[in-house]
Amino acid sequence: MNSLFSITKLGGYIILFSVFQGILQFLLSSSSFFSVMLCGLTEFSTGLNALKDTALPFSLKFPLTMGFSSFGGLCVLAQTSCVLSGTDLPLFPYLIGRIVCTLIASGLTFLFVILF
């Protein structure tokens, strides 16, 4: 029963963030850089979908793709928080790790694109 409850809560977060992104894309221009960054930071798969439709050059799209994928978005952070609730495991080190991973992945990918 606990696993069914956890899966339902995780699915609820996915639906909640999808609705939030739909509202964001409705209010903002879906092809604007700001809109793409917000979508990528809230939920990475929708952010990647918005990123593919922009006119940004490949030298920016590829590092952003790697950054969105390595961060996972606030939706993944909320899901992780949900799973960790009721335990003594802190969320803050996880968040810092995700941010560091994002910066490293984006930075190395940007260097790769520039050098090759």
N, C-alpha and C. Protein backbone atom coordinates (compact mmCIF):
# COMPACT_ATOMS: atom_id res chain seq x y z
N MET A 1 0.82 -1.19 0.00
CA MET A 1 0.00 0.00 0.00
C MET A 1 0.87 1.26 0.00
N ASN A 2 2.00 1.21 0.73
CA ASN A 2 2.89 2.36 0.77
C ASN A 2 3.48 2.66 -0.60
N SER A 3 3.84 1.61 -1.35
CA SER A 3 4.42 1.84 -2.68
C SER A 3 3.38 2.43 -3.63
N LEU A 4 2.14 2.00 -3.53
CA LEU A 4 1.08 2.56 -4.37
C LEU A 4 0.87 4.04 -4.04
N PHE A 5 0.90 4.38 -2.78
CA PHE A 5 0.76 5.78 -2.35
C PHE A 5 1.92 6.62 -2.87
N SER A 6 3.15 6.09 -2.80
CA SER A 6 4.33 6.81 -3.28
C SER A 6 4.26 7.05 -4.79
N ILE A 7 3.88 6.03 -5.52
CA ILE A 7 3.78 6.17 -6.98
C ILE A 7 2.71 7.20 -7.35
N THR A 8 1.62 7.19 -6.63
CA THR A 8 0.55 8.16 -6.89
C THR A 8 1.02 9.59 -6.62
N LYS A 9 1.76 9.78 -5.54
CA LYS A 9 2.29 11.11 -5.23
C LYS A 9 3.30 11.56 -6.29
N LEU A 10 4.16 10.66 -6.73
CA LEU A 10 5.14 11.02 -7.76
C LEU A 10 4.45 11.39 -9.06
N GLY A 11 3.43 10.62 -9.44
CA GLY A 11 2.66 10.95 -10.64
C GLY A 11 1.94 12.28 -10.50
N GLY A 12 1.49 12.58 -9.29
CA GLY A 12 0.84 13.87 -9.04
C GLY A 12 1.79 15.03 -9.26
N TYR A 13 3.06 14.85 -8.86
CA TYR A 13 4.05 15.91 -9.11
C TYR A 13 4.28 16.11 -10.60
N ILE A 14 4.32 15.02 -11.35
CA ILE A 14 4.51 15.14 -12.80
C ILE A 14 3.34 15.90 -13.42
N ILE A 15 2.13 15.59 -13.03
CA ILE A 15 0.95 16.28 -13.55
C ILE A 15 0.97 17.75 -13.12
N LEU A 16 1.27 18.02 -11.87
CA LEU A 16 1.32 19.39 -11.36
C LEU A 16 2.32 20.23 -12.14
N PHE A 17 3.52 19.72 -12.36
CA PHE A 17 4.52 20.49 -13.07
C PHE A 17 4.20 20.60 -14.56
N SER A 18 3.54 19.62 -15.14
CA SER A 18 3.12 19.73 -16.54
C SER A 18 2.07 20.83 -16.71
N VAL A 19 1.14 20.91 -15.78
CA VAL A 19 0.14 21.98 -15.83
C VAL A 19 0.82 23.34 -15.64
N PHE A 20 1.75 23.42 -14.68
CA PHE A 20 2.49 24.66 -14.44
C PHE A 20 3.24 25.09 -15.70
N GLN A 21 3.87 24.16 -16.39
CA GLN A 21 4.58 24.52 -17.62
C GLN A 21 3.63 24.92 -18.73
N GLY A 22 2.49 24.30 -18.80
CA GLY A 22 1.49 24.72 -19.78
C GLY A 22 1.07 26.15 -19.56
N ILE A 23 0.89 26.52 -18.30
CA ILE A 23 0.54 27.91 -17.97
C ILE A 23 1.68 28.84 -18.34
N LEU A 24 2.92 28.44 -18.02
CA LEU A 24 4.08 29.26 -18.37
C LEU A 24 4.18 29.49 -19.88
N GLN A 25 4.00 28.43 -20.64
CA GLN A 25 4.10 28.55 -22.09
C GLN A 25 2.95 29.37 -22.66
N PHE A 26 1.80 29.34 -22.01
CA PHE A 26 0.67 30.15 -22.46
C PHE A 26 0.93 31.63 -22.19
N LEU A 27 1.48 31.94 -21.01
CA LEU A 27 1.71 33.33 -20.63
C LEU A 27 2.93 33.94 -21.33
N LEU A 28 3.95 33.14 -21.53
CA LEU A 28 5.17 33.63 -22.17
C LEU A 28 5.24 33.13 -23.60
N SER A 29 6.01 33.79 -24.41
CA SER A 29 6.26 33.31 -25.76
C SER A 29 7.00 31.98 -25.65
N SER A 30 6.46 30.94 -26.28
CA SER A 30 7.04 29.60 -26.11
C SER A 30 8.43 29.48 -26.71
N SER A 31 8.82 30.40 -27.58
CA SER A 31 10.13 30.30 -28.20
C SER A 31 11.14 31.26 -27.58
N SER A 32 10.75 32.02 -26.57
CA SER A 32 11.69 32.95 -25.96
C SER A 32 12.70 32.19 -25.09
N PHE A 33 13.88 32.74 -24.98
CA PHE A 33 14.94 32.10 -24.21
C PHE A 33 14.53 31.97 -22.75
N PHE A 34 13.88 32.99 -22.21
CA PHE A 34 13.44 32.96 -20.81
C PHE A 34 12.44 31.83 -20.58
N SER A 35 11.50 31.66 -21.49
CA SER A 35 10.51 30.60 -21.38
C SER A 35 11.16 29.22 -21.44
N VAL A 36 12.12 29.06 -22.35
CA VAL A 36 12.82 27.79 -22.48
C VAL A 36 13.59 27.46 -21.20
N MET A 37 14.26 28.47 -20.63
CA MET A 37 15.02 28.25 -19.41
C MET A 37 14.09 27.88 -18.24
N LEU A 38 12.96 28.56 -18.13
CA LEU A 38 12.00 28.22 -17.06
C LEU A 38 11.47 26.81 -17.23
N CYS A 39 11.15 26.45 -18.46
CA CYS A 39 10.63 25.10 -18.71
C CYS A 39 11.70 24.05 -18.41
N GLY A 40 12.93 24.31 -18.81
CA GLY A 40 14.01 23.36 -18.55
C GLY A 40 14.34 23.22 -17.08
N LEU A 41 14.18 24.30 -16.34
CA LEU A 41 14.49 24.23 -14.90
C LEU A 41 13.34 23.63 -14.09
N THR A 42 12.13 23.68 -14.61
CA THR A 42 11.03 23.09 -13.86
C THR A 42 10.86 21.61 -14.18
N GLU A 43 10.94 21.23 -15.44
CA GLU A 43 10.80 19.82 -15.83
C GLU A 43 11.58 19.63 -17.12
N PHE A 44 12.58 18.78 -17.09
CA PHE A 44 13.55 18.76 -18.18
C PHE A 44 13.00 18.24 -19.51
N SER A 45 12.09 17.29 -19.52
CA SER A 45 11.63 16.77 -20.82
C SER A 45 10.82 17.81 -21.58
N THR A 46 9.98 18.56 -20.89
CA THR A 46 9.25 19.64 -21.56
C THR A 46 10.19 20.76 -21.94
N GLY A 47 11.21 21.02 -21.11
CA GLY A 47 12.21 22.02 -21.44
C GLY A 47 13.00 21.64 -22.68
N LEU A 48 13.33 20.36 -22.80
CA LEU A 48 14.04 19.91 -24.00
C LEU A 48 13.16 20.03 -25.24
N ASN A 49 11.88 19.74 -25.09
CA ASN A 49 10.96 19.89 -26.20
C ASN A 49 10.85 21.35 -26.63
N ALA A 50 10.80 22.27 -25.67
CA ALA A 50 10.75 23.70 -25.99
C ALA A 50 12.06 24.16 -26.60
N LEU A 51 13.17 23.60 -26.14
CA LEU A 51 14.49 24.00 -26.63
C LEU A 51 14.68 23.62 -28.09
N LYS A 52 14.14 22.49 -28.50
CA LYS A 52 14.33 22.06 -29.89
C LYS A 52 13.62 22.98 -30.89
N ASP A 53 12.60 23.69 -30.43
CA ASP A 53 11.84 24.57 -31.32
C ASP A 53 12.40 25.99 -31.40
N THR A 54 13.47 26.28 -30.65
CA THR A 54 14.04 27.63 -30.67
C THR A 54 15.02 27.78 -31.82
N ALA A 55 15.35 29.03 -32.09
CA ALA A 55 16.31 29.33 -33.16
C ALA A 55 17.73 29.48 -32.63
N LEU A 56 17.98 29.00 -31.42
CA LEU A 56 19.32 29.09 -30.84
C LEU A 56 20.29 28.23 -31.63
N PRO A 57 21.54 28.64 -31.70
CA PRO A 57 22.52 27.81 -32.42
C PRO A 57 22.83 26.53 -31.64
N PHE A 58 23.34 25.55 -32.37
CA PHE A 58 23.68 24.26 -31.76
C PHE A 58 24.68 24.43 -30.63
N SER A 59 25.57 25.40 -30.75
CA SER A 59 26.60 25.61 -29.73
C SER A 59 26.00 26.03 -28.38
N LEU A 60 24.76 26.49 -28.36
CA LEU A 60 24.05 26.77 -27.11
C LEU A 60 23.03 25.68 -26.76
N LYS A 61 22.39 25.12 -27.79
CA LYS A 61 21.38 24.09 -27.54
C LYS A 61 21.98 22.84 -26.88
N PHE A 62 23.14 22.43 -27.35
CA PHE A 62 23.74 21.20 -26.83
C PHE A 62 24.12 21.34 -25.36
N PRO A 63 24.83 22.41 -24.94
CA PRO A 63 25.11 22.55 -23.50
C PRO A 63 23.85 22.70 -22.65
N LEU A 64 22.85 23.41 -23.16
CA LEU A 64 21.59 23.53 -22.42
C LEU A 64 20.90 22.17 -22.28
N THR A 65 20.95 21.37 -23.33
CA THR A 65 20.38 20.02 -23.29
C THR A 65 21.05 19.20 -22.20
N MET A 66 22.37 19.26 -22.15
CA MET A 66 23.10 18.50 -21.14
C MET A 66 22.81 19.04 -19.73
N GLY A 67 22.68 20.36 -19.61
CA GLY A 67 22.37 20.95 -18.31
C GLY A 67 20.99 20.57 -17.82
N PHE A 68 19.99 20.68 -18.71
CA PHE A 68 18.63 20.30 -18.32
C PHE A 68 18.57 18.82 -17.93
N SER A 69 19.24 17.99 -18.70
CA SER A 69 19.20 16.55 -18.43
C SER A 69 19.89 16.19 -17.12
N SER A 70 21.01 16.85 -16.84
CA SER A 70 21.73 16.51 -15.61
C SER A 70 21.05 17.08 -14.37
N PHE A 71 20.37 18.21 -14.50
CA PHE A 71 19.66 18.77 -13.34
C PHE A 71 18.37 18.02 -13.07
N GLY A 72 17.63 17.73 -14.11
CA GLY A 72 16.38 17.00 -13.95
C GLY A 72 15.18 17.87 -13.70
N GLY A 73 15.38 19.06 -13.19
CA GLY A 73 14.28 19.99 -12.97
C GLY A 73 13.76 19.98 -11.55
N LEU A 74 12.97 20.99 -11.27
CA LEU A 74 12.37 21.11 -9.95
C LEU A 74 11.36 20.00 -9.69
N CYS A 75 10.80 19.44 -10.75
CA CYS A 75 9.87 18.33 -10.61
C CYS A 75 10.58 17.14 -9.98
N VAL A 76 11.77 16.83 -10.45
CA VAL A 76 12.54 15.71 -9.88
C VAL A 76 12.93 16.03 -8.44
N LEU A 77 13.26 17.29 -8.18
CA LEU A 77 13.59 17.69 -6.81
C LEU A 77 12.38 17.50 -5.88
N ALA A 78 11.21 17.87 -6.35
CA ALA A 78 10.00 17.69 -5.55
C ALA A 78 9.71 16.20 -5.33
N GLN A 79 9.93 15.39 -6.35
CA GLN A 79 9.72 13.95 -6.21
C GLN A 79 10.70 13.36 -5.21
N THR A 80 11.96 13.80 -5.28
CA THR A 80 12.97 13.31 -4.35
C THR A 80 12.62 13.74 -2.92
N SER A 81 12.16 14.96 -2.76
CA SER A 81 11.75 15.45 -1.45
C SER A 81 10.61 14.61 -0.89
N CYS A 82 9.70 14.24 -1.76
CA CYS A 82 8.56 13.42 -1.35
C CYS A 82 9.03 12.06 -0.87
N VAL A 83 9.96 11.46 -1.59
CA VAL A 83 10.46 10.14 -1.21
C VAL A 83 11.27 10.21 0.08
N LEU A 84 12.01 11.32 0.26
CA LEU A 84 12.85 11.46 1.46
C LEU A 84 12.08 11.91 2.69
N SER A 85 10.83 12.35 2.51
CA SER A 85 10.06 12.80 3.67
C SER A 85 9.85 11.62 4.63
N GLY A 86 9.99 11.93 5.87
CA GLY A 86 9.85 10.88 6.88
C GLY A 86 11.17 10.19 7.19
N THR A 87 12.24 10.59 6.51
CA THR A 87 13.57 10.05 6.80
C THR A 87 14.42 11.18 7.37
N ASP A 88 15.59 10.83 7.84
CA ASP A 88 16.49 11.87 8.34
C ASP A 88 17.50 12.31 7.28
N LEU A 89 17.30 11.91 6.03
CA LEU A 89 18.19 12.31 4.95
C LEU A 89 17.87 13.74 4.52
N PRO A 90 18.87 14.62 4.46
CA PRO A 90 18.63 16.01 4.08
C PRO A 90 18.53 16.17 2.57
N LEU A 91 17.72 17.11 2.13
CA LEU A 91 17.55 17.38 0.70
C LEU A 91 18.60 18.35 0.18
N PHE A 92 19.09 19.24 1.02
CA PHE A 92 20.01 20.29 0.58
C PHE A 92 21.29 19.75 -0.08
N PRO A 93 21.98 18.75 0.48
CA PRO A 93 23.17 18.23 -0.21
C PRO A 93 22.84 17.64 -1.58
N TYR A 94 21.67 17.03 -1.70
CA TYR A 94 21.24 16.51 -2.99
C TYR A 94 21.08 17.65 -4.00
N LEU A 95 20.46 18.73 -3.57
CA LEU A 95 20.26 19.88 -4.45
C LEU A 95 21.60 20.47 -4.87
N ILE A 96 22.52 20.63 -3.95
CA ILE A 96 23.84 21.16 -4.27
C ILE A 96 24.55 20.23 -5.26
N GLY A 97 24.46 18.94 -5.05
CA GLY A 97 25.06 17.97 -5.97
C GLY A 97 24.49 18.07 -7.37
N ARG A 98 23.18 18.25 -7.47
CA ARG A 98 22.55 18.38 -8.78
C ARG A 98 23.00 19.66 -9.50
N ILE A 99 23.13 20.74 -8.73
CA ILE A 99 23.57 22.01 -9.32
C ILE A 99 25.01 21.89 -9.80
N VAL A 100 25.87 21.29 -9.00
CA VAL A 100 27.28 21.10 -9.39
C VAL A 100 27.36 20.21 -10.62
N CYS A 101 26.61 19.14 -10.64
CA CYS A 101 26.58 18.24 -11.79
C CYS A 101 26.12 18.97 -13.05
N THR A 102 25.12 19.83 -12.90
CA THR A 102 24.61 20.61 -14.02
C THR A 102 25.67 21.56 -14.56
N LEU A 103 26.35 22.25 -13.67
CA LEU A 103 27.39 23.19 -14.10
C LEU A 103 28.54 22.48 -14.78
N ILE A 104 28.94 21.35 -14.26
CA ILE A 104 30.04 20.59 -14.86
C ILE A 104 29.62 20.06 -16.23
N ALA A 105 28.45 19.46 -16.32
CA ALA A 105 27.99 18.89 -17.59
C ALA A 105 27.84 19.98 -18.66
N SER A 106 27.22 21.09 -18.30
CA SER A 106 27.03 22.18 -19.26
C SER A 106 28.37 22.79 -19.66
N GLY A 107 29.24 23.02 -18.68
CA GLY A 107 30.54 23.62 -18.96
C GLY A 107 31.40 22.75 -19.84
N LEU A 108 31.48 21.46 -19.53
CA LEU A 108 32.29 20.54 -20.36
C LEU A 108 31.71 20.40 -21.76
N THR A 109 30.41 20.38 -21.87
CA THR A 109 29.78 20.29 -23.19
C THR A 109 30.04 21.56 -24.00
N PHE A 110 29.97 22.71 -23.35
CA PHE A 110 30.25 23.98 -24.04
C PHE A 110 31.71 23.99 -24.53
N LEU A 111 32.62 23.55 -23.68
CA LEU A 111 34.03 23.46 -24.10
C LEU A 111 34.21 22.49 -25.26
N PHE A 112 33.53 21.38 -25.21
CA PHE A 112 33.59 20.40 -26.30
C PHE A 112 33.11 21.02 -27.61
N VAL A 113 32.01 21.73 -27.55
CA VAL A 113 31.45 22.35 -28.76
C VAL A 113 32.40 23.40 -29.31
N ILE A 114 33.01 24.18 -28.44
CA ILE A 114 33.95 25.22 -28.89
C ILE A 114 35.21 24.61 -29.49
N LEU A 115 35.75 23.57 -28.83
CA LEU A 115 37.01 22.99 -29.28
C LEU A 115 36.86 22.10 -30.50
N PHE A 116 35.73 21.45 -30.65
CA PHE A 116 35.58 20.53 -31.75
C PHE A 116 34.46 20.97 -32.65
